[in-house]
Amino acid sequence: QEELVDSGGGLVQAGGSLRLSCKTSARIFNNYAMGWFRDVPGKERQFLIAIGTSTGSEHAIDSVKDRFTISRDNAENAVYLQMNSLKPEDTSVYYCSYGATVAHMTHRIVNGWGQGTPVTVSS
Protein backbone atom coordinates (compact mmCIF):
# COMPACT_ATOMS: atom_id res chain seq x y z
CA GLN A 1 0.00 0.00 0.00
CA GLU A 2 2.01 2.91 -1.33
CA GLU A 3 1.33 6.19 0.44
CA LEU A 4 2.00 8.26 -2.68
CA VAL A 5 1.61 7.29 -6.32
CA ASP A 6 3.30 9.70 -8.70
CA SER A 7 3.04 9.57 -12.47
CA GLY A 8 3.01 11.65 -15.64
CA GLY A 9 6.67 11.79 -16.58
CA GLY A 10 7.88 11.29 -20.10
CA LEU A 11 9.88 12.70 -22.97
CA VAL A 12 9.34 16.28 -24.08
CA GLN A 13 11.25 18.77 -26.21
CA ALA A 14 12.76 21.91 -24.71
CA GLY A 15 10.11 24.58 -24.29
CA GLY A 16 7.36 22.03 -23.86
CA SER A 17 5.18 21.15 -20.90
CA LEU A 18 4.34 18.18 -18.71
CA ARG A 19 1.90 17.66 -15.88
CA LEU A 20 2.88 15.29 -13.09
CA SER A 21 0.30 13.73 -10.80
CA CYS A 22 0.51 12.46 -7.23
CA LYS A 23 -2.39 10.57 -5.74
CA THR A 24 -2.51 9.99 -2.00
CA SER A 25 -4.95 9.22 0.81
CA ALA A 26 -7.30 11.60 2.59
CA ARG A 27 -5.26 11.12 5.77
CA ILE A 28 -2.14 12.50 4.14
CA PHE A 29 -3.80 15.02 1.86
CA ASN A 30 -5.75 16.72 4.65
CA ASN A 31 -2.99 16.79 7.30
CA TYR A 32 0.36 17.27 5.58
CA ALA A 33 2.15 19.55 3.20
CA MET A 34 2.71 18.06 -0.25
CA GLY A 35 5.53 18.75 -2.65
CA TRP A 36 7.95 17.71 -5.33
CA PHE A 37 11.68 16.94 -5.44
CA ARG A 38 14.07 15.77 -8.12
CA ASP A 39 17.38 13.93 -8.14
CA VAL A 40 20.56 15.83 -8.99
CA PRO A 41 23.76 13.87 -9.78
CA GLY A 42 26.36 14.25 -7.05
CA LYS A 43 24.05 16.25 -4.79
CA GLU A 44 21.26 15.78 -2.30
CA ARG A 45 17.78 15.30 -3.64
CA GLN A 46 16.64 18.78 -4.61
CA PHE A 47 13.55 20.42 -3.18
CA LEU A 48 11.46 22.10 -5.86
CA ILE A 49 8.07 23.19 -4.61
CA ALA A 50 5.56 22.46 -1.87
CA ILE A 51 2.09 23.51 -0.78
CA GLY A 52 0.55 23.33 2.67
CA THR A 53 -2.91 22.58 3.92
CA SER A 54 -3.54 26.23 4.80
CA THR A 55 -4.26 29.01 2.34
CA GLY A 56 -1.16 30.89 1.22
CA SER A 57 1.34 28.32 2.47
CA GLU A 58 3.52 27.59 -0.56
CA HIS A 59 7.15 27.82 -1.60
CA ALA A 60 9.21 27.12 -4.70
CA ILE A 61 12.91 27.49 -5.45
CA ASP A 62 14.00 30.31 -7.73
CA SER A 63 14.97 28.12 -10.67
CA VAL A 64 11.44 26.80 -11.13
CA LYS A 65 9.05 29.25 -9.47
CA ASP A 66 8.26 31.11 -12.71
CA ARG A 67 7.74 27.89 -14.67
CA PHE A 68 6.32 25.25 -12.31
CA THR A 69 2.98 25.38 -10.55
CA ILE A 70 1.70 23.10 -7.80
CA SER A 71 -2.00 22.58 -7.22
CA ARG A 72 -4.38 20.48 -5.14
CA ASP A 73 -7.49 18.57 -6.13
CA ASN A 74 -9.53 17.98 -3.00
CA ALA A 75 -11.97 15.63 -4.71
CA GLU A 76 -9.16 13.30 -5.78
CA ASN A 77 -6.76 13.67 -2.82
CA ALA A 78 -4.16 14.53 -5.42
CA VAL A 79 -1.53 17.14 -6.11
CA TYR A 80 -0.19 18.12 -9.51
CA LEU A 81 2.97 19.70 -10.84
CA GLN A 82 2.43 21.70 -14.01
CA MET A 83 5.82 22.20 -15.65
CA ASN A 84 6.08 24.74 -18.45
CA SER A 85 9.00 26.05 -20.52
CA LEU A 86 10.98 22.92 -19.76
CA LYS A 87 14.74 22.96 -20.22
CA PRO A 88 17.21 20.11 -20.77
CA GLU A 89 18.58 20.73 -17.27
CA ASP A 90 15.15 19.82 -15.88
CA THR A 91 15.81 16.22 -16.91
CA SER A 92 15.61 14.10 -13.78
CA VAL A 93 13.54 11.65 -11.81
CA TYR A 94 10.81 13.57 -10.02
CA TYR A 95 9.41 12.49 -6.66
CA CYS A 96 6.23 13.43 -4.89
CA SER A 97 6.56 13.71 -1.12
CA TYR A 98 4.80 14.85 2.03
CA GLY A 99 5.88 16.41 5.31
CA ALA A 100 4.68 18.17 8.43
CA THR A 101 4.91 21.66 6.91
CA VAL A 102 6.20 23.44 3.83
CA ALA A 103 9.16 24.64 5.92
CA HIS A 104 10.02 21.06 6.90
CA MET A 105 10.02 20.05 3.27
CA THR A 106 12.35 22.85 2.18
CA HIS A 107 14.88 21.23 4.55
CA ARG A 108 14.17 17.77 3.12
CA ILE A 109 12.42 16.66 6.30
CA VAL A 110 9.74 14.47 4.81
CA ASN A 111 7.56 11.59 5.90
CA GLY A 112 7.44 9.67 2.66
CA TRP A 113 8.18 9.51 -1.05
CA GLY A 114 6.49 8.40 -4.20
CA GLN A 115 8.29 5.88 -6.39
CA GLY A 116 9.55 8.56 -8.78
CA THR A 117 8.58 9.40 -12.33
CA PRO A 118 11.27 10.18 -14.93
CA VAL A 119 11.23 13.34 -17.01
CA THR A 120 13.51 13.77 -20.02
CA VAL A 121 13.76 17.10 -21.82
CA SER A 122 15.53 17.00 -25.17
CA SER A 123 17.24 19.88 -26.96
C-alpha atoms as a PDB file:
ATOM      1  CA  GLN A   1       0.000   0.000   0.000  1.00  0.00           C
ATOM      2  CA  GLU A   2       2.014   2.909  -1.332  1.00  0.00           C
ATOM      3  CA  GLU A   3       1.326   6.194   0.442  1.00  0.00           C
ATOM      4  CA  LEU A   4       1.996   8.258  -2.685  1.00  0.00           C
ATOM      5  CA  VAL A   5       1.609   7.287  -6.321  1.00  0.00           C
ATOM      6  CA  ASP A   6       3.297   9.696  -8.698  1.00  0.00           C
ATOM      7  CA  SER A   7       3.036   9.572 -12.466  1.00  0.00           C
ATOM      8  CA  GLY A   8       3.009  11.647 -15.640  1.00  0.00           C
ATOM      9  CA  GLY A   9       6.674  11.789 -16.577  1.00  0.00           C
ATOM     10  CA  GLY A  10       7.876  11.292 -20.104  1.00  0.00           C
ATOM     11  CA  LEU A  11       9.879  12.704 -22.972  1.00  0.00           C
ATOM     12  CA  VAL A  12       9.343  16.282 -24.082  1.00  0.00           C
ATOM     13  CA  GLN A  13      11.251  18.774 -26.208  1.00  0.00           C
ATOM     14  CA  ALA A  14      12.757  21.912 -24.713  1.00  0.00           C
ATOM     15  CA  GLY A  15      10.107  24.576 -24.295  1.00  0.00           C
ATOM     16  CA  GLY A  16       7.359  22.033 -23.858  1.00  0.00           C
ATOM     17  CA  SER A  17       5.175  21.152 -20.897  1.00  0.00           C
ATOM     18  CA  LEU A  18       4.342  18.181 -18.712  1.00  0.00           C
ATOM     19  CA  ARG A  19       1.901  17.657 -15.883  1.00  0.00           C
ATOM     20  CA  LEU A  20       2.883  15.291 -13.090  1.00  0.00           C
ATOM     21  CA  SER A  21       0.299  13.731 -10.803  1.00  0.00           C
ATOM     22  CA  CYS A  22       0.515  12.455  -7.229  1.00  0.00           C
ATOM     23  CA  LYS A  23      -2.393  10.569  -5.736  1.00  0.00           C
ATOM     24  CA  THR A  24      -2.507   9.992  -2.000  1.00  0.00           C
ATOM     25  CA  SER A  25      -4.954   9.221   0.811  1.00  0.00           C
ATOM     26  CA  ALA A  26      -7.299  11.601   2.586  1.00  0.00           C
ATOM     27  CA  ARG A  27      -5.264  11.118   5.772  1.00  0.00           C
ATOM     28  CA  ILE A  28      -2.142  12.504   4.144  1.00  0.00           C
ATOM     29  CA  PHE A  29      -3.796  15.025   1.861  1.00  0.00           C
ATOM     30  CA  ASN A  30      -5.747  16.721   4.654  1.00  0.00           C
ATOM     31  CA  ASN A  31      -2.993  16.786   7.304  1.00  0.00           C
ATOM     32  CA  TYR A  32       0.356  17.266   5.583  1.00  0.00           C
ATOM     33  CA  ALA A  33       2.153  19.551   3.197  1.00  0.00           C
ATOM     34  CA  MET A  34       2.710  18.060  -0.251  1.00  0.00           C
ATOM     35  CA  GLY A  35       5.531  18.754  -2.645  1.00  0.00           C
ATOM     36  CA  TRP A  36       7.950  17.705  -5.328  1.00  0.00           C
ATOM     37  CA  PHE A  37      11.683  16.943  -5.436  1.00  0.00           C
ATOM     38  CA  ARG A  38      14.070  15.768  -8.118  1.00  0.00           C
ATOM     39  CA  ASP A  39      17.381  13.926  -8.138  1.00  0.00           C
ATOM     40  CA  VAL A  40      20.560  15.831  -8.987  1.00  0.00           C
ATOM     41  CA  PRO A  41      23.756  13.872  -9.782  1.00  0.00           C
ATOM     42  CA  GLY A  42      26.357  14.250  -7.048  1.00  0.00           C
ATOM     43  CA  LYS A  43      24.047  16.245  -4.794  1.00  0.00           C
ATOM     44  CA  GLU A  44      21.261  15.775  -2.301  1.00  0.00           C
ATOM     45  CA  ARG A  45      17.783  15.303  -3.645  1.00  0.00           C
ATOM     46  CA  GLN A  46      16.638  18.784  -4.606  1.00  0.00           C
ATOM     47  CA  PHE A  47      13.550  20.420  -3.179  1.00  0.00           C
ATOM     48  CA  LEU A  48      11.465  22.099  -5.856  1.00  0.00           C
ATOM     49  CA  ILE A  49       8.072  23.194  -4.615  1.00  0.00           C
ATOM     50  CA  ALA A  50       5.555  22.457  -1.870  1.00  0.00           C
ATOM     51  CA  ILE A  51       2.087  23.505  -0.785  1.00  0.00           C
ATOM     52  CA  GLY A  52       0.553  23.331   2.673  1.00  0.00           C
ATOM     53  CA  THR A  53      -2.914  22.575   3.922  1.00  0.00           C
ATOM     54  CA  SER A  54      -3.545  26.231   4.798  1.00  0.00           C
ATOM     55  CA  THR A  55      -4.262  29.010   2.335  1.00  0.00           C
ATOM     56  CA  GLY A  56      -1.163  30.891   1.223  1.00  0.00           C
ATOM     57  CA  SER A  57       1.345  28.318   2.466  1.00  0.00           C
ATOM     58  CA  GLU A  58       3.516  27.592  -0.558  1.00  0.00           C
ATOM     59  CA  HIS A  59       7.150  27.824  -1.600  1.00  0.00           C
ATOM     60  CA  ALA A  60       9.212  27.118  -4.705  1.00  0.00           C
ATOM     61  CA  ILE A  61      12.908  27.487  -5.452  1.00  0.00           C
ATOM     62  CA  ASP A  62      13.996  30.307  -7.732  1.00  0.00           C
ATOM     63  CA  SER A  63      14.973  28.121 -10.673  1.00  0.00           C
ATOM     64  CA  VAL A  64      11.438  26.804 -11.127  1.00  0.00           C
ATOM     65  CA  LYS A  65       9.052  29.254  -9.473  1.00  0.00           C
ATOM     66  CA  ASP A  66       8.257  31.108 -12.711  1.00  0.00           C
ATOM     67  CA  ARG A  67       7.736  27.892 -14.671  1.00  0.00           C
ATOM     68  CA  PHE A  68       6.322  25.251 -12.305  1.00  0.00           C
ATOM     69  CA  THR A  69       2.975  25.378 -10.548  1.00  0.00           C
ATOM     70  CA  ILE A  70       1.702  23.095  -7.801  1.00  0.00           C
ATOM     71  CA  SER A  71      -1.999  22.578  -7.220  1.00  0.00           C
ATOM     72  CA  ARG A  72      -4.377  20.479  -5.136  1.00  0.00           C
ATOM     73  CA  ASP A  73      -7.493  18.573  -6.125  1.00  0.00           C
ATOM     74  CA  ASN A  74      -9.532  17.982  -2.999  1.00  0.00           C
ATOM     75  CA  ALA A  75     -11.973  15.629  -4.707  1.00  0.00           C
ATOM     76  CA  GLU A  76      -9.163  13.302  -5.776  1.00  0.00           C
ATOM     77  CA  ASN A  77      -6.761  13.668  -2.820  1.00  0.00           C
ATOM     78  CA  ALA A  78      -4.164  14.535  -5.419  1.00  0.00           C
ATOM     79  CA  VAL A  79      -1.529  17.143  -6.114  1.00  0.00           C
ATOM     80  CA  TYR A  80      -0.190  18.117  -9.508  1.00  0.00           C
ATOM     81  CA  LEU A  81       2.965  19.700 -10.842  1.00  0.00           C
ATOM     82  CA  GLN A  82       2.428  21.695 -14.011  1.00  0.00           C
ATOM     83  CA  MET A  83       5.824  22.199 -15.650  1.00  0.00           C
ATOM     84  CA  ASN A  84       6.082  24.741 -18.454  1.00  0.00           C
ATOM     85  CA  SER A  85       8.995  26.049 -20.522  1.00  0.00           C
ATOM     86  CA  LEU A  86      10.978  22.925 -19.757  1.00  0.00           C
ATOM     87  CA  LYS A  87      14.742  22.962 -20.217  1.00  0.00           C
ATOM     88  CA  PRO A  88      17.208  20.106 -20.769  1.00  0.00           C
ATOM     89  CA  GLU A  89      18.579  20.727 -17.270  1.00  0.00           C
ATOM     90  CA  ASP A  90      15.149  19.823 -15.883  1.00  0.00           C
ATOM     91  CA  THR A  91      15.808  16.223 -16.907  1.00  0.00           C
ATOM     92  CA  SER A  92      15.609  14.098 -13.778  1.00  0.00           C
ATOM     93  CA  VAL A  93      13.540  11.651 -11.808  1.00  0.00           C
ATOM     94  CA  TYR A  94      10.810  13.572 -10.022  1.00  0.00           C
ATOM     95  CA  TYR A  95       9.407  12.495  -6.661  1.00  0.00           C
ATOM     96  CA  CYS A  96       6.231  13.428  -4.894  1.00  0.00           C
ATOM     97  CA  SER A  97       6.560  13.708  -1.117  1.00  0.00           C
ATOM     98  CA  TYR A  98       4.800  14.854   2.026  1.00  0.00           C
ATOM     99  CA  GLY A  99       5.875  16.412   5.306  1.00  0.00           C
ATOM    100  CA  ALA A 100       4.682  18.172   8.429  1.00  0.00           C
ATOM    101  CA  THR A 101       4.912  21.665   6.911  1.00  0.00           C
ATOM    102  CA  VAL A 102       6.203  23.437   3.829  1.00  0.00           C
ATOM    103  CA  ALA A 103       9.161  24.643   5.921  1.00  0.00           C
ATOM    104  CA  HIS A 104      10.018  21.062   6.902  1.00  0.00           C
ATOM    105  CA  MET A 105      10.015  20.054   3.273  1.00  0.00           C
ATOM    106  CA  THR A 106      12.352  22.850   2.180  1.00  0.00           C
ATOM    107  CA  HIS A 107      14.884  21.231   4.546  1.00  0.00           C
ATOM    108  CA  ARG A 108      14.171  17.767   3.115  1.00  0.00           C
ATOM    109  CA  ILE A 109      12.422  16.657   6.299  1.00  0.00           C
ATOM    110  CA  VAL A 110       9.744  14.473   4.812  1.00  0.00           C
ATOM    111  CA  ASN A 111       7.561  11.590   5.898  1.00  0.00           C
ATOM    112  CA  GLY A 112       7.442   9.667   2.660  1.00  0.00           C
ATOM    113  CA  TRP A 113       8.177   9.506  -1.050  1.00  0.00           C
ATOM    114  CA  GLY A 114       6.495   8.405  -4.202  1.00  0.00           C
ATOM    115  CA  GLN A 115       8.285   5.883  -6.391  1.00  0.00           C
ATOM    116  CA  GLY A 116       9.550   8.561  -8.777  1.00  0.00           C
ATOM    117  CA  THR A 117       8.583   9.397 -12.335  1.00  0.00           C
ATOM    118  CA  PRO A 118      11.273  10.180 -14.928  1.00  0.00           C
ATOM    119  CA  VAL A 119      11.235  13.343 -17.013  1.00  0.00           C
ATOM    120  CA  THR A 120      13.505  13.767 -20.023  1.00  0.00           C
ATOM    121  CA  VAL A 121      13.761  17.099 -21.818  1.00  0.00           C
ATOM    122  CA  SER A 122      15.532  16.998 -25.172  1.00  0.00           C
ATOM    123  CA  SER A 123      17.236  19.884 -26.964  1.00  0.00           C
END
